[in-house]
Amino acid sequence: MKSNAQMISTIPQGLLTPAERRLIRNMAGALCQALAISQGNDLVPVLGLGGERTNLEAMASWIHGVMVTEGIVPARETLSLFLAKVERHLSAWREPL
């Protein structure tokens, strides 16, 4: 049987409960803070899916995508893992082809 945390990763973002959305939003805020990401919208095309208006919303979409594709649930224990993944993603985006 799956735990509640494992079940979050299989749910489309629009169907998440308020508590699950808050968990994702808190992780997004922590990652933005750790990486000193501004409140603008510069990273929306890099992290988001297209409907986001801010870097924070784009980070939340990216986190949900990682949850769905890799089954990693945002939690205090996985913060360093998400941080390493987003740093790799952003550095790959910044590097010239």
Protein backbone atom coordinates (compact mmCIF):
# COMPACT_ATOMS: atom_id res chain seq x y z
CA MET A 1 0.00 0.00 0.00
CA LYS A 2 1.28 3.47 -0.92
CA SER A 3 1.78 6.12 1.72
CA ASN A 4 0.04 9.47 1.36
CA ALA A 5 3.35 11.04 0.37
CA GLN A 6 3.87 8.50 -2.43
CA MET A 7 0.34 9.04 -3.71
CA ILE A 8 0.93 12.79 -4.16
CA SER A 9 3.34 12.14 -7.01
CA THR A 10 0.70 10.30 -9.06
CA ILE A 11 -1.93 13.06 -8.85
CA PRO A 12 -2.27 15.75 -11.53
CA GLN A 13 -1.39 19.15 -10.06
CA GLY A 14 -4.96 20.45 -10.41
CA LEU A 15 -6.28 17.61 -8.24
CA LEU A 16 -3.93 18.01 -5.29
CA THR A 17 -5.42 18.76 -1.89
CA PRO A 18 -4.67 22.12 -0.24
CA ALA A 19 -2.20 20.39 2.12
CA GLU A 20 -0.36 18.80 -0.82
CA ARG A 21 -0.23 22.10 -2.72
CA ARG A 22 1.09 23.79 0.44
CA LEU A 23 3.83 21.13 0.70
CA ILE A 24 4.91 21.83 -2.88
CA ARG A 25 4.66 25.61 -2.42
CA ASN A 26 6.77 25.46 0.76
CA MET A 27 9.45 23.42 -1.02
CA ALA A 28 9.37 25.88 -3.94
CA GLY A 29 9.85 28.78 -1.53
CA ALA A 30 12.72 27.03 0.21
CA LEU A 31 14.47 26.31 -3.09
CA CYS A 32 13.97 29.87 -4.33
CA GLN A 33 15.37 31.18 -1.05
CA ALA A 34 18.35 28.81 -1.10
CA LEU A 35 19.21 29.79 -4.68
CA ALA A 36 18.47 33.50 -4.18
CA ILE A 37 15.93 33.43 -7.02
CA SER A 38 14.15 36.75 -7.39
CA GLN A 39 10.39 37.25 -7.28
CA GLY A 40 10.26 38.03 -11.01
CA ASN A 41 9.36 35.69 -13.83
CA ASP A 42 12.71 35.12 -15.57
CA LEU A 43 12.70 31.37 -14.89
CA VAL A 44 9.11 30.69 -15.98
CA PRO A 45 10.21 29.45 -19.44
CA VAL A 46 12.98 27.35 -17.90
CA LEU A 47 11.16 25.69 -14.99
CA GLY A 48 7.50 26.16 -15.79
CA LEU A 49 4.99 24.64 -18.15
CA GLY A 50 3.78 27.92 -19.62
CA GLY A 51 0.90 28.97 -17.40
CA GLU A 52 2.94 30.25 -14.46
CA ARG A 53 3.26 33.95 -13.71
CA THR A 54 6.16 33.96 -11.25
CA ASN A 55 9.41 32.16 -10.55
CA LEU A 56 7.80 30.66 -7.43
CA GLU A 57 4.91 29.21 -9.46
CA ALA A 58 7.37 27.88 -12.05
CA MET A 59 9.45 26.25 -9.31
CA ALA A 60 6.31 24.62 -7.89
CA SER A 61 5.46 23.23 -11.35
CA TRP A 62 8.99 21.91 -11.72
CA ILE A 63 8.78 20.24 -8.29
CA HIS A 64 5.48 18.60 -9.21
CA GLY A 65 7.06 17.38 -12.46
CA VAL A 66 9.92 15.79 -10.53
CA MET A 67 7.40 14.19 -8.20
CA VAL A 68 5.49 12.66 -11.11
CA THR A 69 8.48 11.52 -13.17
CA GLU A 70 10.81 10.41 -10.39
CA GLY A 71 8.49 9.72 -7.46
CA ILE A 72 10.37 12.05 -5.11
CA VAL A 73 8.10 13.75 -2.59
CA PRO A 74 8.95 17.21 -1.21
CA ALA A 75 9.92 16.94 2.43
CA ARG A 76 12.61 18.22 4.75
CA GLU A 77 14.54 15.00 4.09
CA THR A 78 14.48 15.50 0.30
CA LEU A 79 15.31 19.22 0.24
CA SER A 80 18.98 18.63 -0.59
CA LEU A 81 18.01 16.23 -3.38
CA PHE A 82 15.61 18.77 -4.95
CA LEU A 83 18.24 21.48 -4.53
CA ALA A 84 20.88 19.45 -6.36
CA LYS A 85 18.43 18.59 -9.15
CA VAL A 86 17.30 22.17 -9.73
CA GLU A 87 20.90 23.42 -9.64
CA ARG A 88 21.82 20.87 -12.34
CA HIS A 89 18.76 21.84 -14.37
CA LEU A 90 19.55 25.55 -14.17
CA SER A 91 23.26 25.13 -14.88
CA ALA A 92 22.48 23.00 -17.95
CA TRP A 93 20.16 25.77 -19.15
CA ARG A 94 22.86 28.42 -18.67
CA GLU A 95 25.60 26.50 -20.47
CA PRO A 96 25.98 27.22 -24.19
CA LEU A 97 25.28 24.36 -26.58
